[in-house]
Amino acid sequence: MRDGAGRDGSTRVSSKAQSGFQSPFQTPGLRFFRRAAPIAGSVALALGLGGSLGATSEPTATMPDGRPTPTRQPVPRWLTLKASEVRARSGPGLDYHILWEYHAAGLPVQVIAETLEWRKICDPDGSVAWVHRSVVRSRRSAFNATAQEIPIRSGRSGTASVRARLSPHAIVSLDDCEDGWCHVGGRKVHGWVPQGAVFGGATQPLCDARRPAGARP
């Protein structure tokens, strides 16, 4: 079954959280909490008035140890949290203890290993945890993990005009990345950001899959 199908009963999906991801021009007040400390603020995209890239290696449908992935999908790959509350566990099963909860529907996470039912993810804080396949989806997004605005440009060039600015700690939808740039936004406002400027664009693993879940980076 593909990512996003089925539920394990550990999360709650709310329409507010989903609509907040769909429309990055609103400010629904979503936060990315890891443990007790908020890592990211509200989702926001400020409109503009003016004018270390990820590695290029392609992911393969094999685990870090060379075994085929259970889902036959590539690792690493990007998914997004689809629930407003997602429990991160220390291992791939409900009998493993809960490490923390994520509170940010639409947050990009990178799958670095998997079982058929569970995904081992790397989050923007560089932490590793296991989440059930039912709480993630294949839709992609980009997260500004910095304290600075990121210009969203009209073309794949640092001299292209600025169409919008991605606020610090904000989430926006991501279509694809090419030539070191990622296309983000929606139908009304969209453009390009440097691939290495956002969390969600890298093609190489950002966390070591051998690191135990919950271990500090």
C-alpha atoms as a PDB file:
ATOM      1  CA  MET A   1       0.000   0.000   0.000  1.00  0.00           C
ATOM      2  CA  ARG A   2       1.307   3.454  -0.799  1.00  0.00           C
ATOM      3  CA  ASP A   3       2.288   6.144   1.700  1.00  0.00           C
ATOM      4  CA  GLY A   4      -0.700   7.886   3.214  1.00  0.00           C
ATOM      5  CA  ALA A   5      -3.030   4.851   3.107  1.00  0.00           C
ATOM      6  CA  GLY A   6      -4.494   3.418   6.288  1.00  0.00           C
ATOM      7  CA  ARG A   7      -4.301   4.623   9.897  1.00  0.00           C
ATOM      8  CA  ASP A   8      -2.716   3.350  13.082  1.00  0.00           C
ATOM      9  CA  GLY A   9      -4.931   5.349  15.412  1.00  0.00           C
ATOM     10  CA  SER A  10      -2.042   7.418  16.765  1.00  0.00           C
ATOM     11  CA  THR A  11      -2.862  10.707  15.049  1.00  0.00           C
ATOM     12  CA  ARG A  12      -5.721  13.010  14.286  1.00  0.00           C
ATOM     13  CA  VAL A  13      -6.154  14.521  10.832  1.00  0.00           C
ATOM     14  CA  SER A  14      -7.970  17.842  10.816  1.00  0.00           C
ATOM     15  CA  SER A  15      -9.312  19.752   7.831  1.00  0.00           C
ATOM     16  CA  LYS A  16      -7.746  22.903   9.205  1.00  0.00           C
ATOM     17  CA  ALA A  17      -4.279  21.382   9.042  1.00  0.00           C
ATOM     18  CA  GLN A  18      -4.804  20.176   5.491  1.00  0.00           C
ATOM     19  CA  SER A  19      -6.152  23.496   4.255  1.00  0.00           C
ATOM     20  CA  GLY A  20      -3.263  25.289   5.916  1.00  0.00           C
ATOM     21  CA  PHE A  21      -0.827  23.302   3.790  1.00  0.00           C
ATOM     22  CA  GLN A  22      -2.841  23.754   0.597  1.00  0.00           C
ATOM     23  CA  SER A  23      -2.901  27.523   0.976  1.00  0.00           C
ATOM     24  CA  PRO A  24       0.517  28.795   2.097  1.00  0.00           C
ATOM     25  CA  PHE A  25      -0.703  32.382   1.809  1.00  0.00           C
ATOM     26  CA  GLN A  26      -2.774  31.985   4.969  1.00  0.00           C
ATOM     27  CA  THR A  27      -1.412  31.915   8.502  1.00  0.00           C
ATOM     28  CA  PRO A  28      -3.181  29.078  10.321  1.00  0.00           C
ATOM     29  CA  GLY A  29      -0.657  29.143  13.151  1.00  0.00           C
ATOM     30  CA  LEU A  30       0.827  25.710  12.587  1.00  0.00           C
ATOM     31  CA  ARG A  31       3.944  24.897  14.534  1.00  0.00           C
ATOM     32  CA  PHE A  32       6.564  22.206  14.270  1.00  0.00           C
ATOM     33  CA  PHE A  33       7.115  20.925  17.817  1.00  0.00           C
ATOM     34  CA  ARG A  34       9.878  18.452  18.589  1.00  0.00           C
ATOM     35  CA  ARG A  35       9.772  17.342  22.190  1.00  0.00           C
ATOM     36  CA  ALA A  36       8.612  20.335  24.230  1.00  0.00           C
ATOM     37  CA  ALA A  37      10.292  23.090  22.242  1.00  0.00           C
ATOM     38  CA  PRO A  38       8.798  24.731  19.129  1.00  0.00           C
ATOM     39  CA  ILE A  39      11.243  24.572  16.237  1.00  0.00           C
ATOM     40  CA  ALA A  40       9.236  26.443  13.642  1.00  0.00           C
ATOM     41  CA  GLY A  41       6.652  29.183  13.713  1.00  0.00           C
ATOM     42  CA  SER A  42       3.497  29.776  11.747  1.00  0.00           C
ATOM     43  CA  VAL A  43       3.072  29.041   8.077  1.00  0.00           C
ATOM     44  CA  ALA A  44       3.307  32.308   6.162  1.00  0.00           C
ATOM     45  CA  LEU A  45       4.341  33.593   2.779  1.00  0.00           C
ATOM     46  CA  ALA A  46       5.049  37.322   2.502  1.00  0.00           C
ATOM     47  CA  LEU A  47       4.479  38.792  -0.942  1.00  0.00           C
ATOM     48  CA  GLY A  48       7.398  40.703  -2.419  1.00  0.00           C
ATOM     49  CA  LEU A  49       7.263  43.870  -4.472  1.00  0.00           C
ATOM     50  CA  GLY A  50      10.662  43.839  -6.146  1.00  0.00           C
ATOM     51  CA  GLY A  51      12.691  42.064  -8.321  1.00  0.00           C
ATOM     52  CA  SER A  52      25.286  24.409  -0.679  1.00  0.00           C
ATOM     53  CA  LEU A  53      23.137  22.809  -3.282  1.00  0.00           C
ATOM     54  CA  GLY A  54      22.037  19.259  -2.534  1.00  0.00           C
ATOM     55  CA  ALA A  55      24.058  16.455  -4.031  1.00  0.00           C
ATOM     56  CA  THR A  56      22.975  15.287  -7.445  1.00  0.00           C
ATOM     57  CA  SER A  57      23.054  11.541  -6.709  1.00  0.00           C
ATOM     58  CA  GLU A  58      19.778   9.867  -7.589  1.00  0.00           C
ATOM     59  CA  PRO A  59      17.957   7.859  -4.897  1.00  0.00           C
ATOM     60  CA  THR A  60      17.542   4.142  -5.560  1.00  0.00           C
ATOM     61  CA  ALA A  61      14.956   1.565  -4.507  1.00  0.00           C
ATOM     62  CA  THR A  62      17.385  -0.028  -2.060  1.00  0.00           C
ATOM     63  CA  MET A  63      17.920   0.297   1.670  1.00  0.00           C
ATOM     64  CA  PRO A  64      21.199   1.737   3.007  1.00  0.00           C
ATOM     65  CA  ASP A  65      22.445  -1.861   3.490  1.00  0.00           C
ATOM     66  CA  GLY A  66      21.704  -2.692  -0.152  1.00  0.00           C
ATOM     67  CA  ARG A  67      18.494  -4.666   0.356  1.00  0.00           C
ATOM     68  CA  PRO A  68      15.497  -3.741  -1.851  1.00  0.00           C
ATOM     69  CA  THR A  69      13.076  -1.346  -0.158  1.00  0.00           C
ATOM     70  CA  PRO A  70       9.883  -3.068   1.051  1.00  0.00           C
ATOM     71  CA  THR A  71       7.710  -0.613  -0.907  1.00  0.00           C
ATOM     72  CA  ARG A  72       9.952  -0.655  -4.005  1.00  0.00           C
ATOM     73  CA  GLN A  73      10.105   3.128  -3.706  1.00  0.00           C
ATOM     74  CA  PRO A  74      13.412   5.034  -3.637  1.00  0.00           C
ATOM     75  CA  VAL A  75      15.313   5.856  -0.467  1.00  0.00           C
ATOM     76  CA  PRO A  76      15.959   8.597   0.348  1.00  0.00           C
ATOM     77  CA  ARG A  77      12.734  10.281  -0.750  1.00  0.00           C
ATOM     78  CA  TRP A  78      10.593  13.167   0.436  1.00  0.00           C
ATOM     79  CA  LEU A  79       7.175  12.936   2.063  1.00  0.00           C
ATOM     80  CA  THR A  80       5.105  15.381   4.100  1.00  0.00           C
ATOM     81  CA  LEU A  81       3.264  14.967   7.377  1.00  0.00           C
ATOM     82  CA  LYS A  82      -0.453  14.900   6.616  1.00  0.00           C
ATOM     83  CA  ALA A  83      -1.747  15.141  10.183  1.00  0.00           C
ATOM     84  CA  SER A  84      -1.719  17.968  12.686  1.00  0.00           C
ATOM     85  CA  GLU A  85      -0.509  15.541  15.350  1.00  0.00           C
ATOM     86  CA  VAL A  86       2.058  12.880  14.465  1.00  0.00           C
ATOM     87  CA  ARG A  87       3.678  10.636  17.040  1.00  0.00           C
ATOM     88  CA  ALA A  88       7.360   9.883  16.492  1.00  0.00           C
ATOM     89  CA  ARG A  89       8.447   6.521  17.883  1.00  0.00           C
ATOM     90  CA  SER A  90      11.764   4.925  18.740  1.00  0.00           C
ATOM     91  CA  GLY A  91      11.137   1.972  16.442  1.00  0.00           C
ATOM     92  CA  PRO A  92       8.856   0.623  13.710  1.00  0.00           C
ATOM     93  CA  GLY A  93       5.885  -0.509  15.786  1.00  0.00           C
ATOM     94  CA  LEU A  94       3.204   0.588  18.233  1.00  0.00           C
ATOM     95  CA  ASP A  95       5.037  -1.192  21.041  1.00  0.00           C
ATOM     96  CA  TYR A  96       7.943   1.264  20.755  1.00  0.00           C
ATOM     97  CA  HIS A  97       7.715   4.303  23.016  1.00  0.00           C
ATOM     98  CA  ILE A  98       6.761   7.761  21.754  1.00  0.00           C
ATOM     99  CA  LEU A  99       9.743  10.108  21.514  1.00  0.00           C
ATOM    100  CA  TRP A 100       7.823  13.288  20.703  1.00  0.00           C
ATOM    101  CA  GLU A 101       4.951  14.639  18.621  1.00  0.00           C
ATOM    102  CA  TYR A 102       5.056  16.768  15.495  1.00  0.00           C
ATOM    103  CA  HIS A 103       2.446  19.526  15.188  1.00  0.00           C
ATOM    104  CA  ALA A 104       2.829  20.776  11.613  1.00  0.00           C
ATOM    105  CA  ALA A 105       0.784  19.243   8.824  1.00  0.00           C
ATOM    106  CA  GLY A 106       2.638  19.696   5.546  1.00  0.00           C
ATOM    107  CA  LEU A 107       6.109  19.577   7.084  1.00  0.00           C
ATOM    108  CA  PRO A 108       8.612  17.865   4.742  1.00  0.00           C
ATOM    109  CA  VAL A 109      10.448  14.841   6.121  1.00  0.00           C
ATOM    110  CA  GLN A 110      13.036  12.680   4.401  1.00  0.00           C
ATOM    111  CA  VAL A 111      12.627   8.902   4.440  1.00  0.00           C
ATOM    112  CA  ILE A 112      16.042   7.339   5.077  1.00  0.00           C
ATOM    113  CA  ALA A 113      14.890   3.749   5.759  1.00  0.00           C
ATOM    114  CA  GLU A 114      11.599   1.883   5.942  1.00  0.00           C
ATOM    115  CA  THR A 115       9.628  -1.232   6.682  1.00  0.00           C
ATOM    116  CA  LEU A 116       6.429  -2.067   4.849  1.00  0.00           C
ATOM    117  CA  GLU A 117       4.344  -0.186   7.431  1.00  0.00           C
ATOM    118  CA  TRP A 118       6.777   2.321   8.955  1.00  0.00           C
ATOM    119  CA  ARG A 119       9.074   5.103   7.732  1.00  0.00           C
ATOM    120  CA  LYS A 120      12.332   6.136   9.384  1.00  0.00           C
ATOM    121  CA  ILE A 121      12.520   9.869   8.834  1.00  0.00           C
ATOM    122  CA  CYS A 122      14.970  12.730   9.139  1.00  0.00           C
ATOM    123  CA  ASP A 123      13.356  16.018  10.206  1.00  0.00           C
ATOM    124  CA  PRO A 124      14.482  19.658   9.801  1.00  0.00           C
ATOM    125  CA  ASP A 125      16.135  19.529  13.201  1.00  0.00           C
ATOM    126  CA  GLY A 126      18.345  16.653  12.073  1.00  0.00           C
ATOM    127  CA  SER A 127      16.548  14.222  14.372  1.00  0.00           C
ATOM    128  CA  VAL A 128      15.611  10.654  13.424  1.00  0.00           C
ATOM    129  CA  ALA A 129      12.344   8.908  14.299  1.00  0.00           C
ATOM    130  CA  TRP A 130       9.872   6.320  13.052  1.00  0.00           C
ATOM    131  CA  VAL A 131       6.355   7.254  11.904  1.00  0.00           C
ATOM    132  CA  HIS A 132       3.551   5.122  10.509  1.00  0.00           C
ATOM    133  CA  ARG A 133       2.890   5.233   6.768  1.00  0.00           C
ATOM    134  CA  SER A 134      -0.665   6.456   7.392  1.00  0.00           C
ATOM    135  CA  VAL A 135       0.492   9.858   8.675  1.00  0.00           C
ATOM    136  CA  VAL A 136       2.623  10.828   5.675  1.00  0.00           C
ATOM    137  CA  ARG A 137       1.822  11.511   2.049  1.00  0.00           C
ATOM    138  CA  SER A 138       3.756  11.729  -1.203  1.00  0.00           C
ATOM    139  CA  ARG A 139       2.978  15.409  -1.738  1.00  0.00           C
ATOM    140  CA  ARG A 140       6.135  17.502  -1.429  1.00  0.00           C
ATOM    141  CA  SER A 141       6.790  20.757   0.375  1.00  0.00           C
ATOM    142  CA  ALA A 142       9.674  23.036   1.284  1.00  0.00           C
ATOM    143  CA  PHE A 143      10.485  24.374   4.745  1.00  0.00           C
ATOM    144  CA  ASN A 144      12.497  27.507   5.483  1.00  0.00           C
ATOM    145  CA  ALA A 145      14.516  26.375   8.493  1.00  0.00           C
ATOM    146  CA  THR A 146      16.435  29.655   8.706  1.00  0.00           C
ATOM    147  CA  ALA A 147      15.734  32.947  10.456  1.00  0.00           C
ATOM    148  CA  GLN A 148      15.875  34.851   7.164  1.00  0.00           C
ATOM    149  CA  GLU A 149      13.352  35.341   4.355  1.00  0.00           C
ATOM    150  CA  ILE A 150      14.086  33.422   1.166  1.00  0.00           C
ATOM    151  CA  PRO A 151      13.331  35.281  -2.091  1.00  0.00           C
ATOM    152  CA  ILE A 152      11.081  33.366  -4.482  1.00  0.00           C
ATOM    153  CA  ARG A 153      12.241  34.365  -7.953  1.00  0.00           C
ATOM    154  CA  SER A 154      10.597  34.359 -11.353  1.00  0.00           C
ATOM    155  CA  GLY A 155      13.331  32.198 -12.879  1.00  0.00           C
ATOM    156  CA  ARG A 156      16.210  29.887 -12.030  1.00  0.00           C
ATOM    157  CA  SER A 157      18.668  32.692 -11.499  1.00  0.00           C
ATOM    158  CA  GLY A 158      19.869  34.799  -8.616  1.00  0.00           C
ATOM    159  CA  THR A 159      19.239  37.896 -10.730  1.00  0.00           C
ATOM    160  CA  ALA A 160      15.631  37.014 -11.660  1.00  0.00           C
ATOM    161  CA  SER A 161      12.935  39.294 -10.245  1.00  0.00           C
ATOM    162  CA  VAL A 162      11.503  38.530  -6.804  1.00  0.00           C
ATOM    163  CA  ARG A 163       7.869  37.437  -6.874  1.00  0.00           C
ATOM    164  CA  ALA A 164       7.464  36.602  -3.187  1.00  0.00           C
ATOM    165  CA  ARG A 165       9.413  35.905  -0.036  1.00  0.00           C
ATOM    166  CA  LEU A 166       9.229  32.740   2.029  1.00  0.00           C
ATOM    167  CA  SER A 167       9.042  33.724   5.683  1.00  0.00           C
ATOM    168  CA  PRO A 168      11.370  32.176   8.281  1.00  0.00           C
ATOM    169  CA  HIS A 169      10.124  28.816   9.561  1.00  0.00           C
ATOM    170  CA  ALA A 170       7.427  28.686   6.882  1.00  0.00           C
ATOM    171  CA  ILE A 171       6.125  25.849   4.728  1.00  0.00           C
ATOM    172  CA  VAL A 172       5.206  26.089   1.045  1.00  0.00           C
ATOM    173  CA  SER A 173       4.301  23.466  -1.560  1.00  0.00           C
ATOM    174  CA  LEU A 174       7.122  22.217  -3.806  1.00  0.00           C
ATOM    175  CA  ASP A 175       6.698  20.873  -7.331  1.00  0.00           C
ATOM    176  CA  ASP A 176      10.156  19.728  -8.382  1.00  0.00           C
ATOM    177  CA  CYS A 177      13.814  20.694  -8.412  1.00  0.00           C
ATOM    178  CA  GLU A 178      16.102  21.091 -11.411  1.00  0.00           C
ATOM    179  CA  ASP A 179      19.454  22.700 -12.121  1.00  0.00           C
ATOM    180  CA  GLY A 180      19.929  23.582  -8.447  1.00  0.00           C
ATOM    181  CA  TRP A 181      16.539  25.335  -8.121  1.00  0.00           C
ATOM    182  CA  CYS A 182      13.165  24.234  -6.746  1.00  0.00           C
ATOM    183  CA  HIS A 183       9.792  25.430  -8.004  1.00  0.00           C
ATOM    184  CA  VAL A 184       7.522  26.364  -5.072  1.00  0.00           C
ATOM    185  CA  GLY A 185       4.171  28.020  -4.466  1.00  0.00           C
ATOM    186  CA  GLY A 186       0.729  27.688  -6.009  1.00  0.00           C
ATOM    187  CA  ARG A 187      -1.272  28.962  -8.956  1.00  0.00           C
ATOM    188  CA  LYS A 188      -1.494  32.556  -7.716  1.00  0.00           C
ATOM    189  CA  VAL A 189       2.086  33.050  -6.576  1.00  0.00           C
ATOM    190  CA  HIS A 190       4.901  30.709  -7.517  1.00  0.00           C
ATOM    191  CA  GLY A 191       8.546  30.813  -8.436  1.00  0.00           C
ATOM    192  CA  TRP A 192      12.005  29.408  -7.776  1.00  0.00           C
ATOM    193  CA  VAL A 193      14.235  29.123  -4.713  1.00  0.00           C
ATOM    194  CA  PRO A 194      17.788  27.745  -4.498  1.00  0.00           C
ATOM    195  CA  GLN A 195      17.655  24.007  -3.833  1.00  0.00           C
ATOM    196  CA  GLY A 196      20.047  24.251  -0.911  1.00  0.00           C
ATOM    197  CA  ALA A 197      18.140  27.100   0.730  1.00  0.00           C
ATOM    198  CA  VAL A 198      15.156  25.014   1.836  1.00  0.00           C
ATOM    199  CA  PHE A 199      14.631  21.764   3.694  1.00  0.00           C
ATOM    200  CA  GLY A 200      12.881  19.478   1.249  1.00  0.00           C
ATOM    201  CA  GLY A 201      15.007  19.757  -1.870  1.00  0.00           C
ATOM    202  CA  ALA A 202      18.117  17.678  -1.196  1.00  0.00           C
ATOM    203  CA  THR A 203      18.653  14.403  -3.029  1.00  0.00           C
ATOM    204  CA  GLN A 204      21.255  12.939  -0.669  1.00  0.00           C
ATOM    205  CA  PRO A 205      20.430  11.495   2.789  1.00  0.00           C
ATOM    206  CA  LEU A 206      20.517  14.254   5.388  1.00  0.00           C
ATOM    207  CA  CYS A 207      20.641  11.871   8.376  1.00  0.00           C
ATOM    208  CA  ASP A 208      22.546   8.633   8.867  1.00  0.00           C
ATOM    209  CA  ALA A 209      20.058   5.769   8.576  1.00  0.00           C
ATOM    210  CA  ARG A 210      22.145   3.750  11.054  1.00  0.00           C
ATOM    211  CA  ARG A 211      21.582   6.298  13.817  1.00  0.00           C
ATOM    212  CA  PRO A 212      19.052   5.079  16.400  1.00  0.00           C
ATOM    213  CA  ALA A 213      15.779   6.968  16.528  1.00  0.00           C
ATOM    214  CA  GLY A 214      15.841   9.659  19.181  1.00  0.00           C
ATOM    215  CA  ALA A 215      19.629   9.999  19.231  1.00  0.00           C
ATOM    216  CA  ARG A 216      20.942  13.531  19.044  1.00  0.00           C
ATOM    217  CA  PRO A 217      22.519  14.559  15.686  1.00  0.00           C
END
